[in-house]
Amino acid sequence: MNPDTRICSIDSTDLRSSQYDSQAKSGPSTRLGFYKGYKLHLICSNDSIQLSFEITTANVYDNTYSCCKKLIDEDNGIITNIFPWNR
C-alpha cells in the first residue's frame, strides 16, 4: 500500500439470504428493491486494499454516522494511522 494514501472508499453491498434465515432482516436496495438478508460495509484504500469491514442486517442504513464510525473505530489502528486527524 502506498504510504502517502489519504483517500479511502466506503461502500456497501447487498447479501441476500435464504427465506428461512431467521436472523436476516428486510431492507432497501438500489438494485433489488426490498430484500431479506445482510449488508457488507467495506472501507478500501485507493489501491483496492481492504482496510475494514462489517456485516450487518439489511435494515441498517449505510449512510449513518454510527455505521461509518464503528468501521473506523474497529480497524486496529490502520485507518487512524493513515488519517491522523481522525484520532
N, C-alpha and C. Protein backbone atom coordinates (compact mmCIF):
# COMPACT_ATOMS: atom_id res chain seq x y z
N MET A 1 0.84 -1.18 0.00
CA MET A 1 0.00 0.00 0.00
C MET A 1 0.88 1.23 0.00
N ASN A 2 0.51 2.19 -0.77
CA ASN A 2 1.24 3.44 -0.86
C ASN A 2 1.17 4.19 0.48
N PRO A 3 2.30 4.52 1.10
CA PRO A 3 2.26 5.19 2.40
C PRO A 3 1.69 6.60 2.34
N ASP A 4 1.59 7.18 1.15
CA ASP A 4 1.01 8.51 1.01
C ASP A 4 -0.50 8.48 0.80
N THR A 5 -1.10 7.31 0.94
CA THR A 5 -2.54 7.16 0.72
C THR A 5 -3.32 8.00 1.72
N ARG A 6 -4.20 8.82 1.21
CA ARG A 6 -5.07 9.65 2.04
C ARG A 6 -6.53 9.52 1.62
N ILE A 7 -6.79 8.73 0.58
CA ILE A 7 -8.14 8.59 0.08
C ILE A 7 -8.61 7.15 0.29
N CYS A 8 -9.77 7.00 0.89
CA CYS A 8 -10.38 5.68 1.08
C CYS A 8 -11.81 5.74 0.59
N SER A 9 -12.33 4.58 0.24
CA SER A 9 -13.71 4.47 -0.20
C SER A 9 -14.51 3.67 0.81
N ILE A 10 -15.71 4.13 1.11
CA ILE A 10 -16.62 3.42 1.99
C ILE A 10 -17.85 3.08 1.16
N ASP A 11 -18.21 1.80 1.14
CA ASP A 11 -19.37 1.38 0.36
C ASP A 11 -19.97 0.14 1.00
N SER A 12 -21.13 -0.25 0.51
CA SER A 12 -21.76 -1.47 0.99
C SER A 12 -22.36 -2.22 -0.19
N THR A 13 -22.56 -3.51 0.03
CA THR A 13 -23.20 -4.33 -0.99
C THR A 13 -24.20 -5.25 -0.32
N ASP A 14 -25.22 -5.64 -1.06
CA ASP A 14 -26.29 -6.48 -0.54
C ASP A 14 -25.87 -7.94 -0.54
N LEU A 15 -26.23 -8.64 0.52
CA LEU A 15 -26.01 -10.08 0.62
C LEU A 15 -27.36 -10.73 0.89
N ARG A 16 -27.98 -11.27 -0.13
CA ARG A 16 -29.30 -11.89 0.04
C ARG A 16 -29.16 -13.19 0.82
N SER A 17 -30.19 -13.50 1.58
CA SER A 17 -30.16 -14.73 2.37
C SER A 17 -31.33 -15.62 2.00
N SER A 18 -31.31 -16.80 2.56
CA SER A 18 -32.40 -17.74 2.37
C SER A 18 -33.67 -17.20 3.03
N GLN A 19 -34.80 -17.55 2.49
CA GLN A 19 -36.05 -17.10 3.09
C GLN A 19 -36.27 -17.74 4.46
N TYR A 20 -35.50 -18.77 4.78
CA TYR A 20 -35.64 -19.46 6.06
C TYR A 20 -34.66 -18.95 7.12
N ASP A 21 -33.84 -17.97 6.78
CA ASP A 21 -32.88 -17.39 7.72
C ASP A 21 -33.63 -16.52 8.72
N SER A 22 -33.68 -16.94 9.98
CA SER A 22 -34.47 -16.22 10.98
C SER A 22 -33.77 -14.97 11.51
N GLN A 23 -32.47 -14.82 11.29
CA GLN A 23 -31.74 -13.65 11.78
C GLN A 23 -31.68 -12.52 10.76
N ALA A 24 -31.95 -12.81 9.51
CA ALA A 24 -31.90 -11.79 8.46
C ALA A 24 -33.08 -10.84 8.59
N LYS A 25 -32.86 -9.59 8.15
CA LYS A 25 -33.89 -8.56 8.19
C LYS A 25 -34.12 -8.03 6.78
N SER A 26 -35.27 -7.41 6.57
CA SER A 26 -35.58 -6.80 5.27
C SER A 26 -35.08 -5.37 5.24
N GLY A 27 -34.56 -4.98 4.09
CA GLY A 27 -34.05 -3.62 3.94
C GLY A 27 -34.07 -3.19 2.49
N PRO A 28 -33.90 -1.88 2.24
CA PRO A 28 -33.95 -1.36 0.87
C PRO A 28 -32.64 -1.61 0.12
N SER A 29 -32.76 -1.72 -1.18
CA SER A 29 -31.61 -1.89 -2.05
C SER A 29 -31.83 -1.12 -3.33
N THR A 30 -30.78 -0.53 -3.87
CA THR A 30 -30.93 0.19 -5.14
C THR A 30 -31.13 -0.77 -6.30
N ARG A 31 -30.57 -1.97 -6.20
CA ARG A 31 -30.70 -2.94 -7.28
C ARG A 31 -31.87 -3.89 -7.09
N LEU A 32 -32.14 -4.28 -5.84
CA LEU A 32 -33.09 -5.35 -5.58
C LEU A 32 -34.45 -4.88 -5.07
N GLY A 33 -34.66 -3.59 -4.91
CA GLY A 33 -35.87 -3.12 -4.24
C GLY A 33 -35.73 -3.42 -2.76
N PHE A 34 -36.69 -4.10 -2.17
CA PHE A 34 -36.54 -4.58 -0.80
C PHE A 34 -36.12 -6.04 -0.86
N TYR A 35 -35.24 -6.42 0.02
CA TYR A 35 -34.75 -7.80 0.05
C TYR A 35 -34.52 -8.21 1.49
N LYS A 36 -34.44 -9.51 1.72
CA LYS A 36 -34.16 -10.06 3.04
C LYS A 36 -32.73 -10.55 3.05
N GLY A 37 -31.95 -10.09 4.04
CA GLY A 37 -30.57 -10.54 4.09
C GLY A 37 -29.69 -9.65 4.94
N TYR A 38 -28.50 -9.41 4.43
CA TYR A 38 -27.46 -8.69 5.17
C TYR A 38 -26.79 -7.68 4.24
N LYS A 39 -25.93 -6.84 4.83
CA LYS A 39 -25.11 -5.90 4.05
C LYS A 39 -23.66 -6.06 4.48
N LEU A 40 -22.78 -5.97 3.51
CA LEU A 40 -21.34 -5.93 3.76
C LEU A 40 -20.91 -4.48 3.61
N HIS A 41 -20.46 -3.86 4.70
CA HIS A 41 -19.94 -2.49 4.69
C HIS A 41 -18.42 -2.61 4.65
N LEU A 42 -17.78 -1.88 3.75
CA LEU A 42 -16.36 -2.08 3.49
C LEU A 42 -15.65 -0.74 3.31
N ILE A 43 -14.45 -0.64 3.87
CA ILE A 43 -13.58 0.51 3.64
C ILE A 43 -12.34 -0.01 2.92
N CYS A 44 -12.02 0.59 1.77
CA CYS A 44 -10.85 0.19 0.98
C CYS A 44 -9.99 1.41 0.68
N SER A 45 -8.69 1.16 0.52
CA SER A 45 -7.79 2.23 0.10
C SER A 45 -7.95 2.44 -1.40
N ASN A 46 -7.35 3.50 -1.92
CA ASN A 46 -7.43 3.73 -3.36
C ASN A 46 -6.59 2.72 -4.14
N ASP A 47 -5.81 1.90 -3.42
CA ASP A 47 -5.06 0.80 -4.04
C ASP A 47 -5.85 -0.50 -4.01
N SER A 48 -7.14 -0.43 -3.65
CA SER A 48 -8.05 -1.59 -3.56
C SER A 48 -7.65 -2.57 -2.46
N ILE A 49 -7.07 -2.07 -1.40
CA ILE A 49 -6.73 -2.90 -0.25
C ILE A 49 -7.80 -2.71 0.80
N GLN A 50 -8.37 -3.83 1.26
CA GLN A 50 -9.41 -3.78 2.27
C GLN A 50 -8.81 -3.33 3.60
N LEU A 51 -9.41 -2.31 4.21
CA LEU A 51 -8.92 -1.82 5.49
C LEU A 51 -9.82 -2.24 6.65
N SER A 52 -11.12 -2.30 6.42
CA SER A 52 -12.05 -2.66 7.48
C SER A 52 -13.37 -3.09 6.86
N PHE A 53 -14.10 -3.98 7.57
CA PHE A 53 -15.41 -4.39 7.08
C PHE A 53 -16.31 -4.74 8.25
N GLU A 54 -17.59 -4.75 7.97
CA GLU A 54 -18.59 -5.18 8.95
C GLU A 54 -19.78 -5.74 8.20
N ILE A 55 -20.38 -6.79 8.73
CA ILE A 55 -21.59 -7.35 8.16
C ILE A 55 -22.73 -7.04 9.11
N THR A 56 -23.79 -6.42 8.57
CA THR A 56 -24.97 -6.06 9.36
C THR A 56 -26.21 -6.61 8.68
N THR A 57 -27.33 -6.56 9.37
CA THR A 57 -28.58 -6.93 8.73
C THR A 57 -28.95 -5.87 7.70
N ALA A 58 -29.81 -6.23 6.78
CA ALA A 58 -30.13 -5.35 5.65
C ALA A 58 -30.84 -4.07 6.06
N ASN A 59 -31.43 -4.03 7.24
CA ASN A 59 -32.16 -2.83 7.65
C ASN A 59 -31.27 -1.75 8.25
N VAL A 60 -29.95 -1.96 8.31
CA VAL A 60 -29.01 -0.95 8.80
C VAL A 60 -28.63 -0.06 7.62
N TYR A 61 -28.92 1.23 7.74
CA TYR A 61 -28.62 2.17 6.66
C TYR A 61 -27.13 2.49 6.65
N ASP A 62 -26.52 2.45 5.48
CA ASP A 62 -25.08 2.68 5.37
C ASP A 62 -24.72 4.15 5.32
N ASN A 63 -25.68 5.04 5.32
CA ASN A 63 -25.35 6.46 5.32
C ASN A 63 -25.39 7.07 6.72
N THR A 64 -25.48 6.23 7.74
CA THR A 64 -25.50 6.73 9.11
C THR A 64 -24.08 6.91 9.63
N TYR A 65 -23.90 7.89 10.44
CA TYR A 65 -22.59 8.18 11.03
C TYR A 65 -22.11 7.02 11.90
N SER A 66 -23.02 6.40 12.64
CA SER A 66 -22.62 5.34 13.58
C SER A 66 -22.03 4.13 12.86
N CYS A 67 -22.55 3.80 11.68
CA CYS A 67 -22.02 2.67 10.92
C CYS A 67 -20.59 2.95 10.47
N CYS A 68 -20.35 4.14 9.91
CA CYS A 68 -19.00 4.51 9.46
C CYS A 68 -18.05 4.63 10.64
N LYS A 69 -18.51 5.22 11.74
CA LYS A 69 -17.67 5.40 12.92
C LYS A 69 -17.25 4.06 13.49
N LYS A 70 -18.17 3.09 13.51
CA LYS A 70 -17.84 1.76 14.03
C LYS A 70 -16.78 1.08 13.17
N LEU A 71 -16.88 1.21 11.84
CA LEU A 71 -15.87 0.64 10.96
C LEU A 71 -14.50 1.25 11.23
N ILE A 72 -14.46 2.55 11.42
CA ILE A 72 -13.19 3.23 11.64
C ILE A 72 -12.62 2.90 13.01
N ASP A 73 -13.48 2.80 14.03
CA ASP A 73 -13.01 2.51 15.38
C ASP A 73 -12.48 1.09 15.53
N GLU A 74 -12.98 0.15 14.72
CA GLU A 74 -12.59 -1.25 14.86
C GLU A 74 -11.52 -1.67 13.84
N ASP A 75 -10.77 -0.73 13.32
CA ASP A 75 -9.80 -1.04 12.26
C ASP A 75 -8.43 -1.42 12.79
N ASN A 76 -8.26 -1.56 14.10
CA ASN A 76 -6.98 -1.91 14.72
C ASN A 76 -5.89 -0.89 14.40
N GLY A 77 -6.26 0.36 14.27
CA GLY A 77 -5.28 1.42 14.08
C GLY A 77 -4.86 1.68 12.66
N ILE A 78 -5.34 0.90 11.71
CA ILE A 78 -4.90 1.08 10.32
C ILE A 78 -5.35 2.42 9.77
N ILE A 79 -6.64 2.71 9.87
CA ILE A 79 -7.16 3.95 9.30
C ILE A 79 -6.70 5.14 10.12
N THR A 80 -6.63 5.00 11.43
CA THR A 80 -6.19 6.13 12.24
C THR A 80 -4.72 6.45 12.02
N ASN A 81 -3.93 5.49 11.58
CA ASN A 81 -2.54 5.78 11.22
C ASN A 81 -2.46 6.46 9.86
N ILE A 82 -3.37 6.13 8.96
CA ILE A 82 -3.40 6.78 7.65
C ILE A 82 -3.95 8.19 7.79
N PHE A 83 -4.98 8.34 8.62
CA PHE A 83 -5.63 9.63 8.83
C PHE A 83 -5.41 10.08 10.27
N PRO A 84 -4.28 10.69 10.59
CA PRO A 84 -4.00 11.05 11.98
C PRO A 84 -4.97 12.08 12.54
N TRP A 85 -5.64 12.86 11.71
CA TRP A 85 -6.59 13.85 12.21
C TRP A 85 -7.88 13.20 12.69
N ASN A 86 -8.02 11.89 12.48
CA ASN A 86 -9.22 11.16 12.86
C ASN A 86 -9.21 10.74 14.32
N ARG A 87 -8.14 10.97 15.06
CA ARG A 87 -7.99 10.48 16.43
C ARG A 87 -8.78 11.28 17.40
